[in-house]
Protein backbone atom coordinates (compact mmCIF):
# COMPACT_ATOMS: atom_id res chain seq x y z
CA UNK A 1 57.16 130.08 122.40
CA UNK A 2 58.90 127.20 120.56
CA UNK A 3 58.80 123.76 122.10
CA UNK A 4 61.98 122.07 123.30
CA UNK A 5 63.64 119.77 120.74
CA UNK A 6 66.35 117.31 121.62
CA UNK A 7 68.35 118.16 118.51
CA UNK A 8 68.50 117.76 114.76
CA UNK A 9 69.90 114.47 113.43
CA UNK A 10 70.44 116.13 110.04
CA UNK A 11 73.31 118.09 111.58
CA UNK A 12 75.28 114.95 112.49
CA UNK A 13 78.22 114.59 110.09
CA UNK A 14 79.45 111.09 109.21
CA UNK A 15 81.82 110.04 106.46
CA UNK A 16 85.34 110.32 105.09
CA UNK A 17 86.93 113.13 103.08
CA UNK A 18 88.83 113.26 99.79
CA UNK A 19 92.27 114.88 100.12
CA UNK A 20 94.22 116.92 97.58
CA UNK A 21 97.60 118.66 97.91
CA UNK A 22 99.18 121.31 95.76
CA UNK A 23 102.17 120.40 93.64
CA UNK A 24 105.52 121.83 94.72
CA UNK A 25 105.65 124.38 91.91
CA UNK A 26 102.04 125.53 92.21
CA UNK A 27 100.80 128.63 93.99
CA UNK A 28 100.07 128.20 97.69
CA UNK A 29 96.63 129.05 98.92
CA UNK A 30 96.17 132.33 100.75
CA UNK A 31 93.36 134.41 102.24
CA UNK A 32 93.70 137.22 99.69
CA UNK A 33 90.35 136.27 98.18
CA UNK A 34 87.09 135.65 99.94
CA UNK A 35 83.54 134.88 98.99
CA UNK A 36 81.22 132.11 97.92
CA UNK A 37 82.77 131.58 94.49
CA UNK A 38 86.40 132.26 95.45
CA UNK A 39 87.51 129.96 98.28
CA UNK A 40 91.11 131.21 98.34
CA UNK A 41 93.88 132.52 96.14
CA UNK A 42 95.45 129.58 94.33
CA UNK A 43 92.37 127.34 94.61
CA UNK A 44 89.70 126.86 91.95
CA UNK A 45 86.35 128.58 92.27
CA UNK A 46 83.21 126.74 93.25
CA UNK A 47 81.04 125.64 90.34
CA UNK A 48 77.27 125.46 90.68
CA UNK A 49 75.97 121.92 90.39
CA UNK A 50 79.45 120.31 90.62
CA UNK A 51 81.08 118.74 93.66
CA UNK A 52 84.31 120.47 94.66
CA UNK A 53 86.06 117.07 94.46
CA UNK A 54 85.45 117.06 90.71
CA UNK A 55 86.49 120.70 90.36
CA UNK A 56 89.83 120.18 92.12
CA UNK A 57 90.45 116.90 90.26
CA UNK A 58 90.29 118.79 86.97
CA UNK A 59 92.48 121.71 88.10
CA UNK A 60 96.16 121.79 87.17
CA UNK A 61 98.52 121.92 90.14
CA UNK A 62 96.52 119.66 92.48
CA UNK A 63 97.05 115.97 93.17
CA UNK A 64 94.69 113.54 94.89
CA UNK A 65 96.17 111.56 97.79
CA UNK A 66 93.92 108.61 97.00
CA UNK A 67 92.66 106.23 99.67
CA UNK A 68 93.06 107.19 103.32
CA UNK A 69 92.50 105.33 106.57
CA UNK A 70 91.32 106.51 109.99
CA UNK A 71 89.59 109.54 108.52
CA UNK A 72 90.64 113.15 108.91
CA UNK A 73 91.24 114.93 112.22
CA UNK A 74 91.65 118.68 112.56
CA UNK A 75 93.03 119.68 115.97
CA UNK A 76 93.31 123.16 117.49
CA UNK A 77 95.74 123.36 120.41
CA UNK A 78 95.80 126.79 122.10
CA UNK A 79 98.29 127.67 124.83
CA UNK A 80 97.27 129.93 127.69
CA UNK A 81 99.24 131.94 130.18
CA UNK A 82 98.05 132.72 133.68
CA UNK A 83 97.97 135.81 135.89
CA UNK A 84 98.04 134.89 139.58
CA UNK A 85 97.24 137.40 142.32
CA UNK A 86 97.66 137.28 146.07
CA UNK A 87 93.97 137.71 146.88
CA UNK A 88 92.82 134.63 144.96
CA UNK A 89 93.81 131.00 145.30
CA UNK A 90 93.16 130.49 141.59
CA UNK A 91 94.37 132.60 138.68
CA UNK A 92 92.62 135.91 138.08
CA UNK A 93 92.96 135.87 134.33
CA UNK A 94 93.92 133.66 131.42
CA UNK A 95 95.44 135.00 128.24
CA UNK A 96 96.16 133.24 124.99
CA UNK A 97 99.90 132.97 124.46
CA UNK A 98 100.19 130.53 121.56
CA UNK A 99 98.38 128.43 119.03
CA UNK A 100 99.06 125.31 116.96
CA UNK A 101 96.75 123.66 114.45
CA UNK A 102 97.30 120.19 112.99
CA UNK A 103 95.54 117.81 110.64
CA UNK A 104 96.02 114.03 110.86
CA UNK A 105 95.25 111.16 108.54
CA UNK A 106 96.80 107.94 107.22
CA UNK A 107 97.66 107.58 103.55
CA UNK A 108 96.69 104.07 102.45
CA UNK A 109 98.35 104.31 99.03
CA UNK A 110 102.09 103.76 99.54
CA UNK A 111 103.23 105.43 96.33
CA UNK A 112 106.54 107.22 95.89
CA UNK A 113 104.61 110.44 95.30
CA UNK A 114 102.92 110.13 98.69
CA UNK A 115 106.23 109.23 100.35
CA UNK A 116 107.84 112.36 98.93
CA UNK A 117 104.95 114.35 100.36
CA UNK A 118 105.18 112.92 103.89
CA UNK A 119 108.96 113.41 103.91
CA UNK A 120 108.37 117.12 103.14
CA UNK A 121 111.35 116.79 100.84
CA UNK A 122 112.22 118.71 97.72
CA UNK A 123 112.57 116.87 94.46
CA UNK A 124 110.35 114.84 92.20
CA UNK A 125 109.69 111.20 91.43
CA UNK A 126 112.27 110.33 88.77
CA UNK A 127 111.55 108.02 85.86
CA UNK A 128 114.22 105.78 84.38
CA UNK A 129 114.75 103.22 81.64
CA UNK A 130 117.23 100.37 81.49
CA UNK A 131 120.06 100.10 78.98
CA UNK A 132 119.04 100.11 75.34
CA UNK A 133 121.16 99.58 72.24
CA UNK A 134 124.02 102.06 71.97
CA UNK A 135 123.58 103.63 75.43
CA UNK A 136 126.24 103.47 78.11
CA UNK A 137 124.86 105.85 80.76
CA UNK A 138 123.70 104.63 84.15
CA UNK A 139 120.19 103.23 84.21
CA UNK A 140 118.97 105.80 86.70
CA UNK A 141 119.98 108.82 84.64
CA UNK A 142 118.32 108.11 81.30
CA UNK A 143 114.73 108.71 80.33
CA UNK A 144 112.16 106.11 79.55
CA UNK A 145 112.31 105.47 75.81
CA UNK A 146 108.97 105.52 74.05
CA UNK A 147 110.12 104.97 70.47
CA UNK A 148 108.17 102.18 68.83
CA UNK A 149 111.27 100.09 68.08
CA UNK A 150 112.61 100.12 71.63
CA UNK A 151 109.60 100.47 73.91
CA UNK A 152 109.01 96.73 74.23
CA UNK A 153 112.63 96.08 75.29
CA UNK A 154 113.01 98.89 77.82
CA UNK A 155 112.74 98.04 81.52
CA UNK A 156 111.50 101.17 83.25
CA UNK A 157 110.52 102.34 86.69
CA UNK A 158 110.75 105.25 89.10
CA UNK A 159 112.69 106.27 92.18
CA UNK A 160 113.21 109.09 94.68
CA UNK A 161 116.41 110.14 96.41
CA UNK A 162 116.41 109.92 100.20
CA UNK A 163 118.37 112.99 101.25
CA UNK A 164 119.85 114.03 104.59
CA UNK A 165 119.59 117.69 103.60
CA UNK A 166 121.95 120.61 104.08
CA UNK A 167 122.33 123.33 106.67
CA UNK A 168 119.60 125.90 106.20
CA UNK A 169 117.22 123.49 104.50
CA UNK A 170 113.56 123.95 105.25
CA UNK A 171 110.69 121.52 104.61
CA UNK A 172 108.54 121.88 101.53
CA UNK A 173 105.23 123.57 102.21
CA UNK A 174 102.09 122.56 100.38
CA UNK A 175 98.48 123.62 100.41
CA UNK A 176 95.76 121.11 101.23
CA UNK A 177 92.12 120.78 100.22
CA UNK A 178 89.82 118.19 101.77
CA UNK A 179 86.24 117.66 100.64
CA UNK A 180 84.01 115.66 102.97
CA UNK A 181 80.44 115.29 104.12
CA UNK A 182 78.57 118.17 105.64
CA UNK A 183 75.20 118.05 107.33
CA UNK A 184 72.66 115.92 105.49
CA UNK A 185 71.27 116.75 102.06
CA UNK A 186 69.29 119.94 101.89
CA UNK A 187 66.12 117.89 101.40
CA UNK A 188 66.39 116.91 105.07
CA UNK A 189 66.44 120.54 106.20
CA UNK A 190 63.74 123.17 106.43
CA UNK A 191 63.50 125.42 103.40
CA UNK A 192 64.05 128.40 105.67
CA UNK A 193 67.57 127.17 106.50
CA UNK A 194 68.72 126.83 102.88
CA UNK A 195 71.23 129.32 101.47
CA UNK A 196 70.01 131.83 98.93
CA UNK A 197 69.50 130.15 95.56
CA UNK A 198 69.64 126.61 96.95
CA UNK A 199 66.91 124.04 96.43
CA UNK A 200 65.83 121.05 98.45
CA UNK A 201 67.37 118.72 95.85
CA UNK A 202 70.88 120.14 96.28
CA UNK A 203 73.64 118.09 97.92
CA UNK A 204 75.86 119.47 100.67
CA UNK A 205 79.58 119.12 101.31
CA UNK A 206 82.18 120.57 103.66
CA UNK A 207 85.39 121.94 102.17
CA UNK A 208 88.56 122.27 104.24
CA UNK A 209 91.16 124.69 102.87
CA UNK A 210 94.58 124.71 104.56
CA UNK A 211 96.86 127.42 103.19
CA UNK A 212 100.27 126.15 104.35
CA UNK A 213 100.92 122.59 105.60
CA UNK A 214 104.05 120.60 106.45
CA UNK A 215 104.17 117.01 107.68
CA UNK A 216 105.85 116.93 111.12
CA UNK A 217 105.30 113.28 112.07
CA UNK A 218 107.76 110.41 111.93
CA UNK A 219 107.60 108.35 108.75
CA UNK A 220 107.71 104.55 108.88
CA UNK A 221 107.77 102.34 105.80
CA UNK A 222 106.85 98.72 106.45
CA UNK A 223 106.68 95.56 104.39
CA UNK A 224 104.73 92.98 106.37
CA UNK A 225 102.85 89.86 105.42
CA UNK A 226 99.61 90.75 107.18
CA UNK A 227 99.67 94.56 107.28
CA UNK A 228 99.24 97.04 104.49
CA UNK A 229 101.97 99.65 104.03
CA UNK A 230 100.53 103.02 105.04
CA UNK A 231 101.93 106.44 105.86
CA UNK A 232 100.74 108.20 109.02
CA UNK A 233 100.86 111.95 108.54
CA UNK A 234 100.37 114.89 110.85
CA UNK A 235 100.24 118.11 108.89
CA UNK A 236 101.15 121.21 110.86
CA UNK A 237 99.11 124.15 109.62
CA UNK A 238 100.88 127.50 109.40
CA UNK A 239 99.15 130.89 109.09
CA UNK A 240 99.56 133.04 106.01
CA UNK A 241 100.49 136.72 106.02
CA UNK A 242 96.97 137.64 107.16
CA UNK A 243 97.16 135.26 110.14
CA UNK A 244 94.67 132.83 108.59
CA UNK A 245 95.20 129.05 108.64
CA UNK A 246 92.51 128.39 106.06
CA UNK A 247 88.75 128.09 105.67
CA UNK A 248 85.95 125.65 106.43
CA UNK A 249 83.11 126.01 103.97
CA UNK A 250 79.71 124.29 104.02
CA UNK A 251 78.19 124.51 100.57
CA UNK A 252 75.38 123.17 98.45
CA UNK A 253 75.79 122.15 94.84
C-alpha cells in the first residue's frame, strides 16, 4: 500500500505565457485535426526538440502580441437551470443550460496593430508618406517612397481608421495560441510518468489553442505621465462547428 504524500511540487505551474493571434486573412483554427503532431487545423504542427513559441513565430499568418501584463486567465462560466419539486425544500436536479468561456490579459505594447486587434475591427494598419516632389495627393493616401533619391526626404508613419461601423457589421474573429509553462521539467518527474519517447532532459510547456476569439471588453487608451499605456482585453471564446472551444496541450520538446 503506498504511503500518503502531501503532493508533488513539480506539478505547480508558475510563469507567464507568450501570445499569438492569427492575421485577419489567415485560416481560423478548428478541431478538424487531432493528435500529438497536429494541434488543430490552421495551426502549425509540433516539432520535436523545438518550443512551440519558435514554431508559431516562424509560421506565416501568426503575429506575436509582445509583452503582456497581469498574466493570462482562462475562465469557464457555466449556467445551470434548476428543477424544484414540492417534496424537497432544495432543488431536485440541476441541468446545464449555458456556457461562456473567456480569456483575459493586458497588452503592454500599445501599438496600432494591437489596438486594431482589441477593437475587433476590420481593416489594416495603413502606411503613409508625406508630400514629395511632384505629388499633390493627400499625405494619408500615398505610399511610403523607398526610392534612393527620395527616401531621406520622406516623412512617413502609420494610422488606423476609427470606424463606427454599419448595420449588420460583426466583429472580426481571430484564433489565439498561447504558450506558457507547464509542470516542471521532465527531469523533476519520475521516468514512469514521461510520455512515450520523452527523456528526462526534455523541457515541458503548455499550449493553449483557442479556435475563435473576439475581444468583448471596453477599450481605454491613456497617455499619462506615470502610467504606461496598456490595453486590457477579454477575449470571448466561441465554439467551432464541432462544439469545441480549443485545446490545452501539455507537451515535452
